[in-house]
Amino acid sequence: MITKLNKSDYIILGIFYLISATLNVFDYLDQDATLFEYLVDIPMFVITSFLGVVVYTYFIIPNFLIKTKNYFLFAFFGLLTITIIGITEKVVGFATGGNSWDKFPTLGNLILYAIFNGADSVGLILGIIITKKFYESQTQISKIKEEQKENELKLLRSQIDPHFLFNNLNTLDSLIDANPIKAKEYVNKLSLIYRYLIKTKDAEVMELANEIEFAKNYIFLIQTRFADDYEFVIEENISLIDKFIPTGSLLTLLENVVKHNKSDGTNAIKTTLTINDGWLIIANSKSKIKSTNESFGTGLENLKSRYKLLSDEKIQVHNMDAKFEIFIPIITLSE
C-alpha cells in the first residue's frame, strides 16, 4: 500500500477539516462558547488530528505494519499517538473553557477520555485516507500487471524479430567462409540466447548469475557483428548467490546501448556493467553521432513499472554529457 500523502489526499483532508470545523462552530454556538474557545479549540482539533494522520501514514504504518509486520509495536504506537492527541485536546479545551483545575479528570479517567477522543479525532479521517489508498494501490497494481503483460508480449515478439534474426544470419554467413571456427561458436551463442529467452519468458525474475551469463552471450554477438565498435567490461564486486533482477533486464539495457550509440570508427562505445551491493550499474560512453533510431523509452519505462511490484527501490537514470548510467536494484530473497 502507498503510504505517502499525495495531492488528492490533501484535498480530502482539507474538505474533511472544513466540514468538521463548521460542525464544531455550530456545536460551540449551542454551548455559548467564548471567542477564545473558537480561536483555540477548533484549530487545535485540526492540527492534532492532521498530525495523527501524518504519524500514522509516515511512521507507524510503514515501519510496523508494512516493513516489519510487528503488530505489537503497531498497536502500541498507534494507541500512544491517539492518547497523546486526546490528552492534548482535553487539556487545551479545559484551559480555554475557564474551568477550575480542581475538577480536572483523574489520571485514569483522563487516559480513557484521551483514547476515545483521540480515536474519534484521528480514526474517521484516517480510515477514509487508508480506504482511498487501498483502492488506489489496487488500481495501480492492475495497471502495472497490464503493462507487464504488454512487456511480455513485446519480449516474445523480440525473440522472433525477423530483423534481429536477419542481422545475425548475415553475420553468420560472412563468418562461415572467413572463420568457420568462430562461425560455429556464433551459432552456439545464438542458440543459447534463444533457448534462454524461450525458457524464461514466463518468469518475473531471474537469478542474476543467469542474466549475467545471458549478457555475456549477447555481448559476444554484438562484438562479433560490430568488431571493435563496442567494448564491454563486467565487474562482479559481490557474490551473485540469491540475487535476482527482472527477467530480460540486461537484454533491454544492452539493446539500448547499441541502439542509441554508434561508434565513429575511431573511438569505441565503452560499456561497464558493475555489480555492487544492492545495485547493478550499466554505464556507457555516449556517441557523438546522433542516433537515427527513434526512441520512445518504452523498454526502460516497462522495466520501471515492473520494479514497482518487485522492490521498494527505484531505477535511477543519470544522463550526462559524455556518459549514460542506469542503476537497477538487485532483488534478494529476503525481499
Protein backbone atom coordinates (compact mmCIF):
# COMPACT_ATOMS: atom_id res chain seq x y z
CA MET A 1 0.00 0.00 0.00
CA ILE A 2 1.18 3.55 -0.79
CA THR A 3 1.57 5.42 2.50
CA LYS A 4 2.79 8.86 1.49
CA LEU A 5 0.16 11.56 1.23
CA ASN A 6 -0.43 12.88 -2.27
CA LYS A 7 -2.23 15.91 -3.68
CA SER A 8 -5.66 14.29 -3.69
CA ASP A 9 -5.16 13.18 -0.07
CA TYR A 10 -4.55 16.79 0.98
CA ILE A 11 -7.70 17.85 -0.88
CA ILE A 12 -9.73 15.25 1.03
CA LEU A 13 -8.12 16.34 4.31
CA GLY A 14 -8.95 19.97 3.55
CA ILE A 15 -12.59 19.18 2.79
CA PHE A 16 -12.89 16.97 5.89
CA TYR A 17 -11.44 19.58 8.24
CA LEU A 18 -13.50 22.35 6.69
CA ILE A 19 -16.69 20.36 7.31
CA SER A 20 -15.54 19.34 10.82
CA ALA A 21 -14.65 22.91 11.74
CA THR A 22 -18.04 24.13 10.50
CA LEU A 23 -19.86 21.50 12.57
CA ASN A 24 -17.76 22.42 15.61
CA VAL A 25 -18.75 26.06 15.17
CA PHE A 26 -22.44 25.12 15.34
CA ASP A 27 -21.74 22.89 18.35
CA TYR A 28 -19.94 25.72 20.12
CA LEU A 29 -22.84 28.06 19.36
CA ASP A 30 -25.16 25.74 21.27
CA GLN A 31 -22.72 25.79 24.20
CA ASP A 32 -22.39 29.59 24.22
CA ALA A 33 -18.62 29.21 23.88
CA THR A 34 -16.35 32.25 24.10
CA LEU A 35 -14.45 33.68 21.15
CA PHE A 36 -11.22 32.42 22.71
CA GLU A 37 -12.54 28.85 22.59
CA TYR A 38 -13.42 29.24 18.92
CA LEU A 39 -9.95 30.58 18.09
CA VAL A 40 -8.05 27.91 20.01
CA ASP A 41 -10.10 24.71 20.28
CA ILE A 42 -11.14 24.34 16.64
CA PRO A 43 -7.66 24.98 15.15
CA MET A 44 -6.21 22.69 17.83
CA PHE A 45 -8.54 19.88 16.72
CA VAL A 46 -7.47 20.32 13.09
CA ILE A 47 -3.76 20.43 13.95
CA THR A 48 -3.73 17.42 16.30
CA SER A 49 -5.93 15.34 14.00
CA PHE A 50 -3.70 16.13 11.00
CA LEU A 51 -0.56 15.32 12.98
CA GLY A 52 -2.11 11.99 13.93
CA VAL A 53 -2.74 11.17 10.27
CA VAL A 54 0.85 12.13 9.39
CA VAL A 55 2.33 9.99 12.19
CA TYR A 56 0.27 7.00 11.08
CA THR A 57 0.96 7.33 7.35
CA TYR A 58 4.66 8.22 7.52
CA PHE A 59 5.84 6.38 10.63
CA ILE A 60 3.54 3.79 12.22
CA ILE A 61 2.10 2.05 9.14
CA PRO A 62 5.34 1.95 7.05
CA ASN A 63 7.59 0.80 9.89
CA PHE A 64 5.45 -1.54 11.95
CA LEU A 65 2.74 -2.78 9.57
CA ILE A 66 4.36 -2.90 6.13
CA LYS A 67 8.10 -3.28 6.74
CA THR A 68 8.43 -5.37 9.92
CA LYS A 69 4.85 -6.61 10.42
CA ASN A 70 5.34 -6.05 14.14
CA TYR A 71 1.70 -5.85 15.18
CA PHE A 72 2.51 -5.31 18.85
CA LEU A 73 4.52 -2.15 18.14
CA PHE A 74 1.92 -1.09 15.57
CA ALA A 75 -0.81 -1.28 18.23
CA PHE A 76 1.42 0.28 20.91
CA PHE A 77 2.50 3.33 18.92
CA GLY A 78 -1.00 3.71 17.47
CA LEU A 79 -2.54 3.76 20.93
CA LEU A 80 0.19 6.07 22.22
CA THR A 81 -0.43 8.51 19.36
CA ILE A 82 -4.19 8.80 19.85
CA THR A 83 -3.72 9.01 23.66
CA ILE A 84 -1.32 11.96 23.33
CA ILE A 85 -3.71 13.65 20.91
CA GLY A 86 -6.66 13.05 23.24
CA ILE A 87 -4.80 14.39 26.28
CA THR A 88 -3.64 17.47 24.35
CA GLU A 89 -7.16 18.28 23.20
CA LYS A 90 -8.58 17.72 26.69
CA VAL A 91 -6.01 19.94 28.40
CA VAL A 92 -6.41 22.73 25.85
CA GLY A 93 -10.21 22.51 25.89
CA PHE A 94 -10.27 22.51 29.69
CA ALA A 95 -7.99 25.55 29.84
CA THR A 96 -9.86 27.62 27.24
CA GLY A 97 -13.19 26.86 28.92
CA GLY A 98 -12.03 28.63 32.09
CA ASN A 99 -12.66 25.55 34.23
CA SER A 100 -11.21 25.07 37.68
CA TRP A 101 -8.26 22.68 37.62
CA ASP A 102 -9.65 21.07 40.75
CA LYS A 103 -12.26 19.50 38.51
CA PHE A 104 -9.72 18.17 36.01
CA PRO A 105 -10.19 14.39 35.48
CA THR A 106 -8.06 11.91 37.38
CA LEU A 107 -5.26 10.14 35.52
CA GLY A 108 -7.32 7.01 34.82
CA ASN A 109 -10.33 8.95 33.57
CA LEU A 110 -8.06 11.25 31.56
CA ILE A 111 -6.44 8.31 29.74
CA LEU A 112 -9.81 6.71 28.98
CA TYR A 113 -11.15 10.02 27.69
CA ALA A 114 -7.97 10.60 25.69
CA ILE A 115 -8.19 7.20 23.96
CA PHE A 116 -11.83 7.65 22.94
CA ASN A 117 -11.44 11.30 21.96
CA GLY A 118 -8.14 10.74 20.16
CA ALA A 119 -9.56 7.80 18.23
CA ASP A 120 -12.54 9.95 17.26
CA SER A 121 -10.28 12.80 16.08
CA VAL A 122 -7.97 10.62 14.00
CA GLY A 123 -9.91 7.44 13.25
CA LEU A 124 -12.54 8.66 10.80
CA ILE A 125 -10.28 10.70 8.52
CA LEU A 126 -7.50 8.10 8.72
CA GLY A 127 -9.98 5.40 7.73
CA ILE A 128 -11.06 7.49 4.74
CA ILE A 129 -7.45 8.06 3.63
CA ILE A 130 -6.47 4.39 4.07
CA THR A 131 -9.54 3.19 2.17
CA LYS A 132 -8.75 5.61 -0.66
CA LYS A 133 -5.13 4.46 -0.79
CA PHE A 134 -6.14 0.80 -0.76
CA TYR A 135 -8.24 1.27 -3.89
CA GLU A 136 -5.51 3.41 -5.45
CA SER A 137 -2.95 0.66 -4.85
CA GLN A 138 -5.29 -1.95 -6.32
CA THR A 139 -5.77 0.21 -9.40
CA GLN A 140 -2.02 0.73 -9.71
CA ILE A 141 -1.33 -3.00 -9.36
CA SER A 142 -3.86 -3.76 -12.09
CA LYS A 143 -2.28 -1.14 -14.33
CA ILE A 144 1.25 -2.46 -13.74
CA LYS A 145 0.11 -6.01 -14.41
CA GLU A 146 -1.39 -4.89 -17.69
CA GLU A 147 1.87 -3.11 -18.58
CA GLN A 148 3.80 -6.22 -17.60
CA LYS A 149 1.65 -8.36 -19.89
CA GLU A 150 2.29 -5.91 -22.72
CA ASN A 151 6.01 -6.07 -21.93
CA GLU A 152 5.91 -9.87 -22.05
CA LEU A 153 4.26 -9.70 -25.47
CA LYS A 154 6.94 -7.29 -26.67
CA LEU A 155 9.61 -9.59 -25.30
CA LEU A 156 8.06 -12.55 -27.10
CA ARG A 157 7.95 -10.56 -30.33
CA SER A 158 11.61 -9.58 -29.90
CA GLN A 159 12.51 -13.24 -29.58
CA ILE A 160 11.31 -13.91 -33.12
CA ASP A 161 12.10 -10.44 -34.51
CA PRO A 162 12.97 -11.13 -38.16
CA HIS A 163 15.28 -8.08 -38.26
CA PHE A 164 17.29 -9.39 -35.31
CA LEU A 165 17.47 -12.85 -36.88
CA PHE A 166 18.29 -11.38 -40.31
CA ASN A 167 21.27 -9.40 -38.95
CA ASN A 168 22.63 -12.42 -37.13
CA LEU A 169 22.25 -14.66 -40.17
CA ASN A 170 24.13 -12.11 -42.29
CA THR A 171 26.93 -12.05 -39.74
CA LEU A 172 26.96 -15.82 -39.64
CA ASP A 173 27.06 -16.02 -43.46
CA SER A 174 30.16 -13.84 -43.58
CA LEU A 175 31.83 -15.90 -40.86
CA ILE A 176 31.29 -19.29 -42.47
CA ASP A 177 33.83 -18.63 -45.22
CA ALA A 178 36.14 -16.27 -43.34
CA ASN A 179 36.32 -18.00 -39.95
CA PRO A 180 34.47 -21.37 -39.74
CA ILE A 181 35.55 -21.96 -36.12
CA LYS A 182 34.13 -18.63 -34.96
CA ALA A 183 31.04 -19.25 -37.08
CA LYS A 184 30.40 -22.41 -35.11
CA GLU A 185 30.84 -20.53 -31.85
CA TYR A 186 28.48 -17.83 -33.11
CA VAL A 187 25.78 -20.41 -33.84
CA ASN A 188 26.25 -21.87 -30.37
CA LYS A 189 25.90 -18.46 -28.66
CA LEU A 190 22.86 -17.60 -30.77
CA SER A 191 21.15 -20.86 -29.86
CA LEU A 192 21.91 -20.30 -26.17
CA ILE A 193 20.29 -16.86 -26.36
CA TYR A 194 17.11 -18.15 -27.98
CA ARG A 195 16.96 -21.09 -25.61
CA TYR A 196 17.26 -18.74 -22.61
CA LEU A 197 14.59 -16.35 -23.92
CA ILE A 198 12.13 -19.18 -24.53
CA LYS A 199 12.89 -20.85 -21.21
CA THR A 200 12.44 -17.68 -19.12
CA LYS A 201 9.56 -16.00 -20.97
CA ASP A 202 7.09 -16.62 -18.10
CA ALA A 203 9.45 -15.80 -15.21
CA GLU A 204 9.04 -12.43 -13.45
CA VAL A 205 12.56 -12.52 -12.01
CA MET A 206 15.67 -14.50 -12.80
CA GLU A 207 18.86 -15.26 -10.91
CA LEU A 208 21.43 -12.57 -11.54
CA ALA A 209 24.07 -15.16 -12.38
CA ASN A 210 21.89 -16.48 -15.22
CA GLU A 211 21.19 -12.99 -16.52
CA ILE A 212 24.92 -12.21 -16.49
CA GLU A 213 25.66 -15.39 -18.43
CA PHE A 214 22.98 -14.41 -20.94
CA ALA A 215 24.53 -10.92 -21.18
CA LYS A 216 27.94 -12.42 -21.98
CA ASN A 217 26.44 -14.43 -24.85
CA TYR A 218 24.62 -11.37 -26.15
CA ILE A 219 27.79 -9.26 -25.88
CA PHE A 220 29.61 -11.89 -27.96
CA LEU A 221 27.07 -11.39 -30.77
CA ILE A 222 27.43 -7.61 -30.58
CA GLN A 223 31.22 -7.67 -30.68
CA THR A 224 31.32 -10.26 -33.45
CA ARG A 225 28.96 -8.22 -35.57
CA PHE A 226 30.41 -4.76 -34.89
CA ALA A 227 34.06 -5.74 -34.28
CA ASP A 228 35.82 -3.01 -32.24
CA ASP A 229 32.93 -0.52 -32.21
CA TYR A 230 31.81 -1.67 -28.76
CA GLU A 231 33.77 -2.62 -25.65
CA PHE A 232 32.22 -4.30 -22.62
CA VAL A 233 33.55 -4.90 -19.11
CA ILE A 234 31.71 -6.84 -16.40
CA GLU A 235 32.77 -6.19 -12.78
CA GLU A 236 31.35 -8.57 -10.17
CA ASN A 237 32.09 -6.98 -6.78
CA ILE A 238 29.75 -9.20 -4.75
CA SER A 239 28.54 -12.77 -4.73
CA LEU A 240 25.69 -13.42 -7.16
CA ILE A 241 24.11 -16.10 -4.99
CA ASP A 242 20.45 -15.40 -4.09
CA LYS A 243 20.46 -12.21 -6.16
CA PHE A 244 17.71 -11.55 -8.71
CA ILE A 245 16.66 -8.98 -11.31
CA PRO A 246 13.60 -8.82 -13.59
CA THR A 247 13.91 -11.28 -16.44
CA GLY A 248 15.23 -9.68 -19.62
CA SER A 249 16.54 -6.55 -17.87
CA LEU A 250 20.02 -6.84 -19.33
CA LEU A 251 18.66 -7.53 -22.80
CA THR A 252 16.72 -4.27 -22.66
CA LEU A 253 19.67 -2.27 -21.34
CA LEU A 254 22.27 -3.73 -23.70
CA GLU A 255 19.96 -3.22 -26.67
CA ASN A 256 19.65 0.44 -25.67
CA VAL A 257 23.44 0.86 -25.70
CA VAL A 258 23.72 -0.42 -29.28
CA LYS A 259 20.52 1.22 -30.48
CA HIS A 260 21.36 4.74 -29.31
CA ASN A 261 25.15 4.83 -29.66
CA LYS A 262 27.08 4.40 -32.89
CA SER A 263 30.87 4.39 -32.98
CA ASP A 264 32.63 6.96 -35.15
CA GLY A 265 35.10 4.27 -36.22
CA THR A 266 37.87 5.70 -34.05
CA ASN A 267 36.51 5.58 -30.51
CA ALA A 268 34.66 2.53 -29.28
CA ILE A 269 31.48 2.83 -27.23
CA LYS A 270 32.70 1.65 -23.83
CA THR A 271 30.20 -0.02 -21.52
CA THR A 272 30.81 -1.17 -17.96
CA LEU A 273 28.43 -3.48 -16.15
CA THR A 274 29.15 -3.21 -12.42
CA ILE A 275 27.54 -5.36 -9.73
CA ASN A 276 27.70 -3.74 -6.30
CA ASP A 277 25.88 -4.35 -3.05
CA GLY A 278 22.23 -3.74 -3.85
CA TRP A 279 22.72 -2.29 -7.33
CA LEU A 280 23.61 -3.32 -10.86
CA ILE A 281 25.02 -0.38 -12.80
CA ILE A 282 25.32 -0.13 -16.57
CA ALA A 283 27.37 2.86 -17.70
CA ASN A 284 28.29 3.62 -21.28
CA SER A 285 30.09 6.40 -23.08
CA LYS A 286 27.81 8.41 -25.34
CA SER A 287 28.26 8.59 -29.08
CA LYS A 288 28.89 11.93 -30.73
CA ILE A 289 26.98 10.65 -33.73
CA LYS A 290 23.27 11.33 -33.35
CA SER A 291 21.27 8.11 -33.45
CA THR A 292 18.82 7.72 -36.32
CA ASN A 293 16.75 5.29 -34.22
CA GLU A 294 13.62 6.88 -32.82
CA SER A 295 13.32 6.27 -29.10
CA PHE A 296 10.05 6.11 -27.18
CA GLY A 297 11.68 4.93 -23.94
CA THR A 298 9.17 2.09 -23.68
CA GLY A 299 11.73 -0.55 -22.70
CA LEU A 300 13.03 1.44 -19.74
CA GLU A 301 9.54 2.57 -18.70
CA ASN A 302 8.31 -1.02 -18.70
CA LEU A 303 11.28 -2.02 -16.56
CA LYS A 304 10.48 0.79 -14.10
CA SER A 305 6.88 -0.39 -13.88
CA ARG A 306 7.94 -3.97 -13.16
CA TYR A 307 10.15 -2.76 -10.31
CA LYS A 308 7.17 -1.12 -8.64
CA LEU A 309 5.86 -4.61 -7.87
CA LEU A 310 9.21 -6.20 -7.10
CA SER A 311 11.19 -3.76 -4.96
CA ASP A 312 10.92 -0.65 -2.79
CA GLU A 313 13.90 0.79 -4.66
CA LYS A 314 13.52 2.66 -7.93
CA ILE A 315 15.61 2.62 -11.09
CA GLN A 316 17.98 5.59 -11.26
CA VAL A 317 18.91 7.15 -14.60
CA HIS A 318 21.82 9.60 -14.96
CA ASN A 319 22.06 11.17 -18.41
CA MET A 320 25.27 13.20 -18.57
CA ASP A 321 27.07 14.95 -21.42
CA ALA A 322 29.50 12.14 -22.21
CA LYS A 323 28.13 9.29 -20.14
CA PHE A 324 24.85 7.47 -19.58
CA GLU A 325 24.23 5.46 -16.41
CA ILE A 326 21.37 3.27 -15.27
CA PHE A 327 21.21 1.89 -11.72
CA ILE A 328 18.82 -1.05 -11.32
CA PRO A 329 18.14 -2.51 -7.86
CA ILE A 330 19.22 -6.06 -7.14
CA ILE A 331 16.44 -8.10 -5.53
CA THR A 332 17.32 -10.53 -2.73
CA LEU A 333 15.31 -13.45 -1.37
CA SER A 334 14.61 -11.54 1.86
CA GLU A 335 12.56 -9.02 -0.09
